[in-house]
Amino acid sequence: KRHTDALLSALRAALDAPAERRQRVEATLDTYLAAIEA
């Protein structure tokens, strides 16, 4: 729960970022991958 809460918060931030839809899709995917890589 601790790590999922942090990941969900980061994913929501990527989805809410002021950008075109394609950029937000890529940012959301990258956020997940960056989290497991880190």
Full PDB file with SEQRES, HELIX, SHEET, SSBOND, CRYST1, ORIGX, SCALE, CONECT and MASTER records, all heavy atoms in Angstrom:
SEQRES   1 A   38  LYS ARG HIS THR ASP ALA LEU LEU SER ALA LEU ARG ALA          
SEQRES   2 A   38  ALA LEU ASP ALA PRO ALA GLU ARG ARG GLN ARG VAL GLU          
SEQRES   3 A   38  ALA THR LEU ASP THR TYR LEU ALA ALA ILE GLU ALA              
HELIX    1 AA1 ARG A    2  ASP A   16  1                                  15    
HELIX    2 AA2 ARG A   21  GLU A   37  1                                  17    
CRYST1    1.000    1.000    1.000  90.00  90.00  90.00 P 1           1          
ORIGX1      1.000000  0.000000  0.000000        0.00000                         
ORIGX2      0.000000  1.000000  0.000000        0.00000                         
ORIGX3      0.000000  0.000000  1.000000        0.00000                         
SCALE1      1.000000  0.000000  0.000000        0.00000                         
SCALE2      0.000000  1.000000  0.000000        0.00000                         
SCALE3      0.000000  0.000000  1.000000        0.00000                         
ATOM      1  N   LYS A   1       0.833  -1.201   0.000  1.00  0.00           N  
ATOM      2  CA  LYS A   1       0.000   0.000   0.000  1.00  0.00           C  
ATOM      3  C   LYS A   1       0.871   1.256   0.000  1.00  0.00           C  
ATOM      4  O   LYS A   1       0.596   2.221  -0.717  1.00  0.00           O  
ATOM      5  CB  LYS A   1      -0.929   0.010   1.205  1.00  0.00           C  
ATOM      6  CG  LYS A   1      -1.876   1.209   1.221  1.00  0.00           C  
ATOM      7  CD  LYS A   1      -2.815   1.175   2.402  1.00  0.00           C  
ATOM      8  CE  LYS A   1      -3.860   2.284   2.306  1.00  0.00           C  
ATOM      9  NZ  LYS A   1      -3.293   3.633   2.153  1.00  0.00           N  
ATOM     10  N   ARG A   2       1.922   1.234   0.797  1.00  0.00           N  
ATOM     11  CA  ARG A   2       2.830   2.384   0.888  1.00  0.00           C  
ATOM     12  C   ARG A   2       3.407   2.728  -0.483  1.00  0.00           C  
ATOM     13  O   ARG A   2       3.378   3.887  -0.915  1.00  0.00           O  
ATOM     14  CB  ARG A   2       3.945   2.030   1.879  1.00  0.00           C  
ATOM     15  CG  ARG A   2       5.020   3.088   2.093  1.00  0.00           C  
ATOM     16  CD  ARG A   2       6.084   2.490   3.014  1.00  0.00           C  
ATOM     17  NE  ARG A   2       7.217   3.354   3.259  1.00  0.00           N  
ATOM     18  CZ  ARG A   2       7.341   4.187   4.286  1.00  0.00           C  
ATOM     19  NH1 ARG A   2       6.365   4.263   5.174  1.00  0.00           N  
ATOM     20  NH2 ARG A   2       8.421   4.920   4.437  1.00  0.00           N  
ATOM     21  N   HIS A   3       3.897   1.714  -1.201  1.00  0.00           N  
ATOM     22  CA  HIS A   3       4.524   1.969  -2.496  1.00  0.00           C  
ATOM     23  C   HIS A   3       3.486   2.193  -3.598  1.00  0.00           C  
ATOM     24  O   HIS A   3       3.719   2.992  -4.511  1.00  0.00           O  
ATOM     25  CB  HIS A   3       5.469   0.824  -2.847  1.00  0.00           C  
ATOM     26  CG  HIS A   3       6.713   0.833  -2.013  1.00  0.00           C  
ATOM     27  ND1 HIS A   3       7.751   1.708  -2.254  1.00  0.00           N  
ATOM     28  CD2 HIS A   3       7.076   0.111  -0.924  1.00  0.00           C  
ATOM     29  CE1 HIS A   3       8.700   1.517  -1.354  1.00  0.00           C  
ATOM     30  NE2 HIS A   3       8.321   0.557  -0.538  1.00  0.00           N  
ATOM     31  N   THR A   4       2.350   1.525  -3.504  1.00  0.00           N  
ATOM     32  CA  THR A   4       1.305   1.739  -4.500  1.00  0.00           C  
ATOM     33  C   THR A   4       0.724   3.144  -4.379  1.00  0.00           C  
ATOM     34  O   THR A   4       0.449   3.799  -5.387  1.00  0.00           O  
ATOM     35  CB  THR A   4       0.193   0.689  -4.351  1.00  0.00           C  
ATOM     36  OG1 THR A   4       0.766  -0.618  -4.442  1.00  0.00           O  
ATOM     37  CG2 THR A   4      -0.844   0.846  -5.460  1.00  0.00           C  
ATOM     38  N   ASP A   5       0.533   3.623  -3.153  1.00  0.00           N  
ATOM     39  CA  ASP A   5       0.050   4.995  -2.951  1.00  0.00           C  
ATOM     40  C   ASP A   5       1.005   6.005  -3.596  1.00  0.00           C  
ATOM     41  O   ASP A   5       0.571   6.954  -4.268  1.00  0.00           O  
ATOM     42  CB  ASP A   5      -0.075   5.314  -1.453  1.00  0.00           C  
ATOM     43  CG  ASP A   5      -1.275   4.642  -0.806  1.00  0.00           C  
ATOM     44  OD1 ASP A   5      -2.126   4.105  -1.538  1.00  0.00           O  
ATOM     45  OD2 ASP A   5      -1.352   4.654   0.439  1.00  0.00           O  
ATOM     46  N   ALA A   6       2.312   5.802  -3.395  1.00  0.00           N  
ATOM     47  CA  ALA A   6       3.296   6.721  -3.973  1.00  0.00           C  
ATOM     48  C   ALA A   6       3.278   6.642  -5.494  1.00  0.00           C  
ATOM     49  O   ALA A   6       3.349   7.676  -6.182  1.00  0.00           O  
ATOM     50  CB  ALA A   6       4.690   6.383  -3.439  1.00  0.00           C  
ATOM     51  N   LEU A   7       3.156   5.434  -6.042  1.00  0.00           N  
ATOM     52  CA  LEU A   7       3.121   5.274  -7.492  1.00  0.00           C  
ATOM     53  C   LEU A   7       1.870   5.908  -8.078  1.00  0.00           C  
ATOM     54  O   LEU A   7       1.933   6.612  -9.101  1.00  0.00           O  
ATOM     55  CB  LEU A   7       3.177   3.787  -7.853  1.00  0.00           C  
ATOM     56  CG  LEU A   7       3.068   3.439  -9.336  1.00  0.00           C  
ATOM     57  CD1 LEU A   7       4.174   4.107 -10.137  1.00  0.00           C  
ATOM     58  CD2 LEU A   7       3.106   1.931  -9.537  1.00  0.00           C  
ATOM     59  N   LEU A   8       0.726   5.685  -7.445  1.00  0.00           N  
ATOM     60  CA  LEU A   8      -0.522   6.278  -7.944  1.00  0.00           C  
ATOM     61  C   LEU A   8      -0.463   7.799  -7.927  1.00  0.00           C  
ATOM     62  O   LEU A   8      -0.958   8.457  -8.844  1.00  0.00           O  
ATOM     63  CB  LEU A   8      -1.702   5.780  -7.113  1.00  0.00           C  
ATOM     64  CG  LEU A   8      -2.160   4.353  -7.411  1.00  0.00           C  
ATOM     65  CD1 LEU A   8      -3.156   3.884  -6.353  1.00  0.00           C  
ATOM     66  CD2 LEU A   8      -2.787   4.271  -8.796  1.00  0.00           C  
ATOM     67  N   SER A   9       0.133   8.365  -6.893  1.00  0.00           N  
ATOM     68  CA  SER A   9       0.285   9.810  -6.823  1.00  0.00           C  
ATOM     69  C   SER A   9       1.127  10.324  -7.993  1.00  0.00           C  
ATOM     70  O   SER A   9       0.787  11.332  -8.627  1.00  0.00           O  
ATOM     71  CB  SER A   9       0.933  10.201  -5.490  1.00  0.00           C  
ATOM     72  OG  SER A   9       1.121  11.601  -5.413  1.00  0.00           O  
ATOM     73  N   ALA A  10       2.213   9.612  -8.305  1.00  0.00           N  
ATOM     74  CA  ALA A  10       3.071  10.013  -9.419  1.00  0.00           C  
ATOM     75  C   ALA A  10       2.357   9.846 -10.763  1.00  0.00           C  
ATOM     76  O   ALA A  10       2.487  10.696 -11.661  1.00  0.00           O  
ATOM     77  CB  ALA A  10       4.358   9.188  -9.398  1.00  0.00           C  
ATOM     78  N   LEU A  11       1.573   8.770 -10.903  1.00  0.00           N  
ATOM     79  CA  LEU A  11       0.836   8.549 -12.145  1.00  0.00           C  
ATOM     80  C   LEU A  11      -0.227   9.622 -12.347  1.00  0.00           C  
ATOM     81  O   LEU A  11      -0.424  10.113 -13.472  1.00  0.00           O  
ATOM     82  CB  LEU A  11       0.191   7.164 -12.136  1.00  0.00           C  
ATOM     83  CG  LEU A  11       1.142   5.964 -12.221  1.00  0.00           C  
ATOM     84  CD1 LEU A  11       0.381   4.662 -12.018  1.00  0.00           C  
ATOM     85  CD2 LEU A  11       1.884   5.941 -13.548  1.00  0.00           C  
ATOM     86  N   ARG A  12      -0.922   9.993 -11.267  1.00  0.00           N  
ATOM     87  CA  ARG A  12      -1.935  11.056 -11.391  1.00  0.00           C  
ATOM     88  C   ARG A  12      -1.294  12.378 -11.797  1.00  0.00           C  
ATOM     89  O   ARG A  12      -1.863  13.143 -12.590  1.00  0.00           O  
ATOM     90  CB  ARG A  12      -2.682  11.209 -10.065  1.00  0.00           C  
ATOM     91  CG  ARG A  12      -3.604  10.045  -9.727  1.00  0.00           C  
ATOM     92  CD  ARG A  12      -4.473  10.359  -8.523  1.00  0.00           C  
ATOM     93  NE  ARG A  12      -5.186   9.188  -8.055  1.00  0.00           N  
ATOM     94  CZ  ARG A  12      -4.866   8.488  -6.978  1.00  0.00           C  
ATOM     95  NH1 ARG A  12      -3.816   8.864  -6.254  1.00  0.00           N  
ATOM     96  NH2 ARG A  12      -5.560   7.437  -6.623  1.00  0.00           N  
ATOM     97  N   ALA A  13      -0.124  12.668 -11.247  1.00  0.00           N  
ATOM     98  CA  ALA A  13       0.577  13.902 -11.608  1.00  0.00           C  
ATOM     99  C   ALA A  13       0.930  13.898 -13.093  1.00  0.00           C  
ATOM    100  O   ALA A  13       0.803  14.935 -13.772  1.00  0.00           O  
ATOM    101  CB  ALA A  13       1.843  14.059 -10.757  1.00  0.00           C  
ATOM    102  N   ALA A  14       1.357  12.750 -13.617  1.00  0.00           N  
ATOM    103  CA  ALA A  14       1.675  12.652 -15.046  1.00  0.00           C  
ATOM    104  C   ALA A  14       0.425  12.828 -15.896  1.00  0.00           C  
ATOM    105  O   ALA A  14       0.452  13.497 -16.940  1.00  0.00           O  
ATOM    106  CB  ALA A  14       2.332  11.304 -15.347  1.00  0.00           C  
ATOM    107  N   LEU A  15      -0.699  12.255 -15.449  1.00  0.00           N  
ATOM    108  CA  LEU A  15      -1.952  12.378 -16.194  1.00  0.00           C  
ATOM    109  C   LEU A  15      -2.504  13.796 -16.162  1.00  0.00           C  
ATOM    110  O   LEU A  15      -3.207  14.214 -17.079  1.00  0.00           O  
ATOM    111  CB  LEU A  15      -2.987  11.405 -15.618  1.00  0.00           C  
ATOM    112  CG  LEU A  15      -2.768   9.929 -15.952  1.00  0.00           C  
ATOM    113  CD1 LEU A  15      -3.605   9.054 -15.029  1.00  0.00           C  
ATOM    114  CD2 LEU A  15      -3.120   9.649 -17.415  1.00  0.00           C  
ATOM    115  N   ASP A  16      -2.193  14.544 -15.108  1.00  0.00           N  
ATOM    116  CA  ASP A  16      -2.718  15.899 -14.948  1.00  0.00           C  
ATOM    117  C   ASP A  16      -1.787  16.971 -15.517  1.00  0.00           C  
ATOM    118  O   ASP A  16      -2.130  18.154 -15.511  1.00  0.00           O  
ATOM    119  CB  ASP A  16      -2.965  16.203 -13.464  1.00  0.00           C  
ATOM    120  CG  ASP A  16      -4.174  15.442 -12.919  1.00  0.00           C  
ATOM    121  OD1 ASP A  16      -5.056  15.098 -13.723  1.00  0.00           O  
ATOM    122  OD2 ASP A  16      -4.214  15.191 -11.699  1.00  0.00           O  
ATOM    123  N   ALA A  17      -0.627  16.573 -15.997  1.00  0.00           N  
ATOM    124  CA  ALA A  17       0.344  17.558 -16.485  1.00  0.00           C  
ATOM    125  C   ALA A  17      -0.211  18.293 -17.702  1.00  0.00           C  
ATOM    126  O   ALA A  17      -0.908  17.699 -18.533  1.00  0.00           O  
ATOM    127  CB  ALA A  17       1.653  16.868 -16.844  1.00  0.00           C  
ATOM    128  N   PRO A  18       0.086  19.590 -17.822  1.00  0.00           N  
ATOM    129  CA  PRO A  18      -0.378  20.356 -18.982  1.00  0.00           C  
ATOM    130  C   PRO A  18       0.421  19.982 -20.224  1.00  0.00           C  
ATOM    131  O   PRO A  18       1.531  20.459 -20.440  1.00  0.00           O  
ATOM    132  CB  PRO A  18      -0.125  21.811 -18.564  1.00  0.00           C  
ATOM    133  CG  PRO A  18       0.988  21.734 -17.569  1.00  0.00           C  
ATOM    134  CD  PRO A  18       0.819  20.430 -16.852  1.00  0.00           C  
ATOM    135  N   ALA A  19      -0.137  19.085 -21.027  1.00  0.00           N  
ATOM    136  CA  ALA A  19       0.564  18.609 -22.225  1.00  0.00           C  
ATOM    137  C   ALA A  19      -0.467  18.014 -23.175  1.00  0.00           C  
ATOM    138  O   ALA A  19      -1.631  17.816 -22.829  1.00  0.00           O  
ATOM    139  CB  ALA A  19       1.608  17.559 -21.841  1.00  0.00           C  
ATOM    140  N   GLU A  20      -0.040  17.734 -24.400  1.00  0.00           N  
ATOM    141  CA  GLU A  20      -0.911  17.061 -25.350  1.00  0.00           C  
ATOM    142  C   GLU A  20      -1.160  15.625 -24.884  1.00  0.00           C  
ATOM    143  O   GLU A  20      -0.375  15.047 -24.126  1.00  0.00           O  
ATOM    144  CB  GLU A  20      -0.255  17.044 -26.738  1.00  0.00           C  
ATOM    145  CG  GLU A  20      -0.081  18.425 -27.361  1.00  0.00           C  
ATOM    146  CD  GLU A  20      -1.409  19.119 -27.603  1.00  0.00           C  
ATOM    147  OE1 GLU A  20      -2.376  18.423 -28.023  1.00  0.00           O  
ATOM    148  OE2 GLU A  20      -1.495  20.340 -27.363  1.00  0.00           O  
ATOM    149  N   ARG A  21      -2.260  15.037 -25.357  1.00  0.00           N  
ATOM    150  CA  ARG A  21      -2.653  13.710 -24.889  1.00  0.00           C  
ATOM    151  C   ARG A  21      -1.554  12.670 -25.113  1.00  0.00           C  
ATOM    152  O   ARG A  21      -1.251  11.882 -24.215  1.00  0.00           O  
ATOM    153  CB  ARG A  21      -3.943  13.257 -25.576  1.00  0.00           C  
ATOM    154  CG  ARG A  21      -4.442  11.914 -25.070  1.00  0.00           C  
ATOM    155  CD  ARG A  21      -5.689  11.449 -25.793  1.00  0.00           C  
ATOM    156  NE  ARG A  21      -6.852  12.239 -25.431  1.00  0.00           N  
ATOM    157  CZ  ARG A  21      -8.095  11.958 -25.850  1.00  0.00           C  
ATOM    158  NH1 ARG A  21      -8.299  10.911 -26.631  1.00  0.00           N  
ATOM    159  NH2 ARG A  21      -9.110  12.724 -25.496  1.00  0.00           N  
ATOM    160  N   ARG A  22      -0.943  12.660 -26.284  1.00  0.00           N  
ATOM    161  CA  ARG A  22       0.113  11.682 -26.556  1.00  0.00           C  
ATOM    162  C   ARG A  22       1.263  11.844 -25.564  1.00  0.00           C  
ATOM    163  O   ARG A  22       1.816  10.854 -25.065  1.00  0.00           O  
ATOM    164  CB  ARG A  22       0.622  11.864 -27.987  1.00  0.00           C  
ATOM    165  CG  ARG A  22       1.904  11.082 -28.331  1.00  0.00           C  
ATOM    166  CD  ARG A  22       1.653   9.617 -28.535  1.00  0.00           C  
ATOM    167  NE  ARG A  22       2.897   8.865 -28.694  1.00  0.00           N  
ATOM    168  CZ  ARG A  22       3.067   7.809 -29.475  1.00  0.00           C  
ATOM    169  NH1 ARG A  22       2.048   7.347 -30.183  1.00  0.00           N  
ATOM    170  NH2 ARG A  22       4.211   7.183 -29.545  1.00  0.00           N  
ATOM    171  N   GLN A  23       1.617  13.091 -25.251  1.00  0.00           N  
ATOM    172  CA  GLN A  23       2.700  13.326 -24.301  1.00  0.00           C  
ATOM    173  C   GLN A  23       2.343  12.819 -22.912  1.00  0.00           C  
ATOM    174  O   GLN A  23       3.196  12.271 -22.196  1.00  0.00           O  
ATOM    175  CB  GLN A  23       3.028  14.820 -24.243  1.00  0.00           C  
ATOM    176  CG  GLN A  23       3.656  15.367 -25.514  1.00  0.00           C  
ATOM    177  CD  GLN A  23       3.833  16.869 -25.461  1.00  0.00           C  
ATOM    178  OE1 GLN A  23       2.892  17.625 -25.183  1.00  0.00           O  
ATOM    179  NE2 GLN A  23       5.049  17.332 -25.707  1.00  0.00           N  
ATOM    180  N   ARG A  24       1.074  12.977 -22.533  1.00  0.00           N  
ATOM    181  CA  ARG A  24       0.663  12.500 -21.211  1.00  0.00           C  
ATOM    182  C   ARG A  24       0.611  10.982 -21.153  1.00  0.00           C  
ATOM    183  O   ARG A  24       0.916  10.377 -20.122  1.00  0.00           O  
ATOM    184  CB  ARG A  24      -0.675  13.117 -20.826  1.00  0.00           C  
ATOM    185  CG  ARG A  24      -0.514  14.494 -20.200  1.00  0.00           C  
ATOM    186  CD  ARG A  24      -1.834  15.068 -19.769  1.00  0.00           C  
ATOM    187  NE  ARG A  24      -2.563  15.562 -20.932  1.00  0.00           N  
ATOM    188  CZ  ARG A  24      -3.873  15.775 -20.948  1.00  0.00           C  
ATOM    189  NH1 ARG A  24      -4.601  15.508 -19.883  1.00  0.00           N  
ATOM    190  NH2 ARG A  24      -4.458  16.256 -22.023  1.00  0.00           N  
ATOM    191  N   VAL A  25       0.217  10.341 -22.249  1.00  0.00           N  
ATOM    192  CA  VAL A  25       0.256   8.878 -22.311  1.00  0.00           C  
ATOM    193  C   VAL A  25       1.687   8.398 -22.118  1.00  0.00           C  
ATOM    194  O   VAL A  25       1.964   7.499 -21.312  1.00  0.00           O  
ATOM    195  CB  VAL A  25      -0.311   8.372 -23.661  1.00  0.00           C  
ATOM    196  CG1 VAL A  25      -0.036   6.872 -23.830  1.00  0.00           C  
ATOM    197  CG2 VAL A  25      -1.814   8.632 -23.734  1.00  0.00           C  
ATOM    198  N   GLU A  26       2.615   9.010 -22.842  1.00  0.00           N  
ATOM    199  CA  GLU A  26       4.018   8.621 -22.721  1.00  0.00           C  
ATOM    200  C   GLU A  26       4.558   8.927 -21.322  1.00  0.00           C  
ATOM    201  O   GLU A  26       5.318   8.125 -20.758  1.00  0.00           O  
ATOM    202  CB  GLU A  26       4.852   9.329 -23.790  1.00  0.00           C  
ATOM    203  CG  GLU A  26       4.550   8.839 -25.203  1.00  0.00           C  
ATOM    204  CD  GLU A  26       5.506   9.420 -26.229  1.00  0.00           C  
ATOM    205  OE1 GLU A  26       6.297  10.329 -25.885  1.00  0.00           O  
ATOM    206  OE2 GLU A  26       5.461   8.956 -27.397  1.00  0.00           O  
ATOM    207  N   ALA A  27       4.172  10.080 -20.764  1.00  0.00           N  
ATOM    208  CA  ALA A  27       4.654  10.438 -19.423  1.00  0.00           C  
ATOM    209  C   ALA A  27       4.142   9.461 -18.376  1.00  0.00           C  
ATOM    210  O   ALA A  27       4.858   9.118 -17.422  1.00  0.00           O  
ATOM    211  CB  ALA A  27       4.213  11.859 -19.077  1.00  0.00           C  
ATOM    212  N   THR A  28       2.909   8.980 -18.535  1.00  0.00           N  
ATOM    213  CA  THR A  28       2.339   8.028 -17.583  1.00  0.00           C  
ATOM    214  C   THR A  28       3.067   6.684 -17.666  1.00  0.00           C  
ATOM    215  O   THR A  28       3.422   6.091 -16.636  1.00  0.00           O  
ATOM    216  CB  THR A  28       0.836   7.837 -17.850  1.00  0.00           C  
ATOM    217  OG1 THR A  28       0.180   9.113 -17.781  1.00  0.00           O  
ATOM    218  CG2 THR A  28       0.219   6.899 -16.831  1.00  0.00           C  
ATOM    219  N   LEU A  29       3.288   6.211 -18.882  1.00  0.00           N  
ATOM    220  CA  LEU A  29       4.051   4.967 -19.058  1.00  0.00           C  
ATOM    221  C   LEU A  29       5.457   5.115 -18.490  1.00  0.00           C  
ATOM    222  O   LEU A  29       5.965   4.222 -17.787  1.00  0.00           O  
ATOM    223  CB  LEU A  29       4.129   4.611 -20.545  1.00  0.00           C  
ATOM    224  CG  LEU A  29       2.817   4.196 -21.219  1.00  0.00           C  
ATOM    225  CD1 LEU A  29       2.997   4.187 -22.738  1.00  0.00           C  
ATOM    226  CD2 LEU A  29       2.358   2.829 -20.736  1.00  0.00           C  
ATOM    227  N   ASP A  30       6.082   6.246 -18.758  1.00  0.00           N  
ATOM    228  CA  ASP A  30       7.456   6.464 -18.291  1.00  0.00           C  
ATOM    229  C   ASP A  30       7.507   6.554 -16.769  1.00  0.00           C  
ATOM    230  O   ASP A  30       8.472   6.090 -16.152  1.00  0.00           O  
ATOM    231  CB  ASP A  30       8.021   7.745 -18.903  1.00  0.00           C  
ATOM    232  CG  ASP A  30       9.504   7.904 -18.618  1.00  0.00           C  
ATOM    233  OD1 ASP A  30      10.281   7.034 -19.049  1.00  0.00           O  
ATOM    234  OD2 ASP A  30       9.878   8.890 -17.949  1.00  0.00           O  
ATOM    235  N   THR A  31       6.485   7.124 -16.162  1.00  0.00           N  
ATOM    236  CA  THR A  31       6.444   7.230 -14.701  1.00  0.00           C  
ATOM    237  C   THR A  31       6.451   5.851 -14.061  1.00  0.00           C  
ATOM    238  O   THR A  31       7.163   5.599 -13.080  1.00  0.00           O  
ATOM    239  CB  THR A  31       5.202   8.018 -14.257  1.00  0.00           C  
ATOM    240  OG1 THR A  31       5.307   9.370 -14.741  1.00  0.00           O  
ATOM    241  CG2 THR A  31       5.058   8.037 -12.737  1.00  0.00           C  
ATOM    242  N   TYR A  32       5.657   4.937 -14.603  1.00  0.00           N  
ATOM    243  CA  TYR A  32       5.627   3.568 -14.067  1.00  0.00           C  
ATOM    244  C   TYR A  32       6.976   2.895 -14.236  1.00  0.00           C  
ATOM    245  O   TYR A  32       7.530   2.317 -13.295  1.00  0.00           O  
ATOM    246  CB  TYR A  32       4.535   2.758 -14.769  1.00  0.00           C  
ATOM    247  CG  TYR A  32       4.546   1.297 -14.354  1.00  0.00           C  
ATOM    248  CD1 TYR A  32       3.927   0.886 -13.183  1.00  0.00           C  
ATOM    249  CD2 TYR A  32       5.221   0.343 -15.116  1.00  0.00           C  
ATOM    250  CE1 TYR A  32       3.962  -0.450 -12.783  1.00  0.00           C  
ATOM    251  CE2 TYR A  32       5.262  -0.992 -14.724  1.00  0.00           C  
ATOM    252  CZ  TYR A  32       4.626  -1.379 -13.561  1.00  0.00           C  
ATOM    253  OH  TYR A  32       4.678  -2.692 -13.160  1.00  0.00           O  
ATOM    254  N   LEU A  33       7.532   2.965 -15.441  1.00  0.00           N  
ATOM    255  CA  LEU A  33       8.804   2.305 -15.709  1.00  0.00           C  
ATOM    256  C   LEU A  33       9.940   2.923 -14.906  1.00  0.00           C  
ATOM    257  O   LEU A  33      10.827   2.215 -14.420  1.00  0.00           O  
ATOM    258  CB  LEU A  33       9.117   2.364 -17.208  1.00  0.00           C  
ATOM    259  CG  LEU A  33       8.164   1.550 -18.103  1.00  0.00           C  
ATOM    260  CD1 LEU A  33       8.408   1.883 -19.562  1.00  0.00           C  
ATOM    261  CD2 LEU A  33       8.317   0.056 -17.856  1.00  0.00           C  
ATOM    262  N   ALA A  34       9.918   4.241 -14.756  1.00  0.00           N  
ATOM    263  CA  ALA A  34      10.954   4.906 -13.959  1.00  0.00           C  
ATOM    264  C   ALA A  34      10.882   4.468 -12.505  1.00  0.00           C  
ATOM    265  O   ALA A  34      11.907   4.320 -11.834  1.00  0.00           O  
ATOM    266  CB  ALA A  34      10.803   6.423 -14.063  1.00  0.00           C  
ATOM    267  N   ALA A  35       9.670   4.240 -12.010  1.00  0.00           N  
ATOM    268  CA  ALA A  35       9.505   3.829 -10.610  1.00  0.00           C  
ATOM    269  C   ALA A  35      10.103   2.447 -10.366  1.00  0.00           C  
ATOM    270  O   ALA A  35      10.794   2.227  -9.367  1.00  0.00           O  
ATOM    271  CB  ALA A  35       8.022   3.836 -10.236  1.00  0.00           C  
ATOM    272  N   ILE A  36       9.846   1.498 -11.264  1.00  0.00           N  
ATOM    273  CA  ILE A  36      10.388   0.159 -11.039  1.00  0.00           C  
ATOM    274  C   ILE A  36      11.887   0.128 -11.324  1.00  0.00           C  
ATOM    275  O   ILE A  36      12.616  -0.676 -10.741  1.00  0.00           O  
ATOM    276  CB  ILE A  36       9.637  -0.921 -11.847  1.00  0.00           C  
ATOM    277  CG1 ILE A  36       9.858  -0.772 -13.352  1.00  0.00           C  
ATOM    278  CG2 ILE A  36       8.155  -0.897 -11.512  1.00  0.00           C  
ATOM    279  CD1 ILE A  36       9.269  -1.938 -14.167  1.00  0.00           C  
ATOM    280  N   GLU A  37      12.352   1.005 -12.211  1.00  0.00           N  
ATOM    281  CA  GLU A  37      13.789   1.075 -12.482  1.00  0.00           C  
ATOM    282  C   GLU A  37      14.545   1.683 -11.304  1.00  0.00           C  
ATOM    283  O   GLU A  37      15.654   1.251 -10.966  1.00  0.00           O  
ATOM    284  CB  GLU A  37      14.049   1.910 -13.732  1.00  0.00           C  
ATOM    285  CG  GLU A  37      15.523   1.970 -14.136  1.00  0.00           C  
ATOM    286  CD  GLU A  37      15.753   2.791 -15.385  1.00  0.00           C  
ATOM    287  OE1 GLU A  37      15.044   3.802 -15.578  1.00  0.00           O  
ATOM    288  OE2 GLU A  37      16.640   2.427 -16.175  1.00  0.00           O  
ATOM    289  N   ALA A  38      13.931   2.675 -10.656  1.00  0.00           N  
ATOM    290  CA  ALA A  38      14.594   3.353  -9.540  1.00  0.00           C  
ATOM    291  C   ALA A  38      14.690   2.470  -8.309  1.00  0.00           C  
ATOM    292  O   ALA A  38      15.658   2.569  -7.545  1.00  0.00           O  
ATOM    293  CB  ALA A  38      13.843   4.642  -9.200  1.00  0.00           C  
TER     294      ALA A  38                                                      
MASTER        0    0    0    2    0    0    0    6  293    1    0    3          
END                                                                             
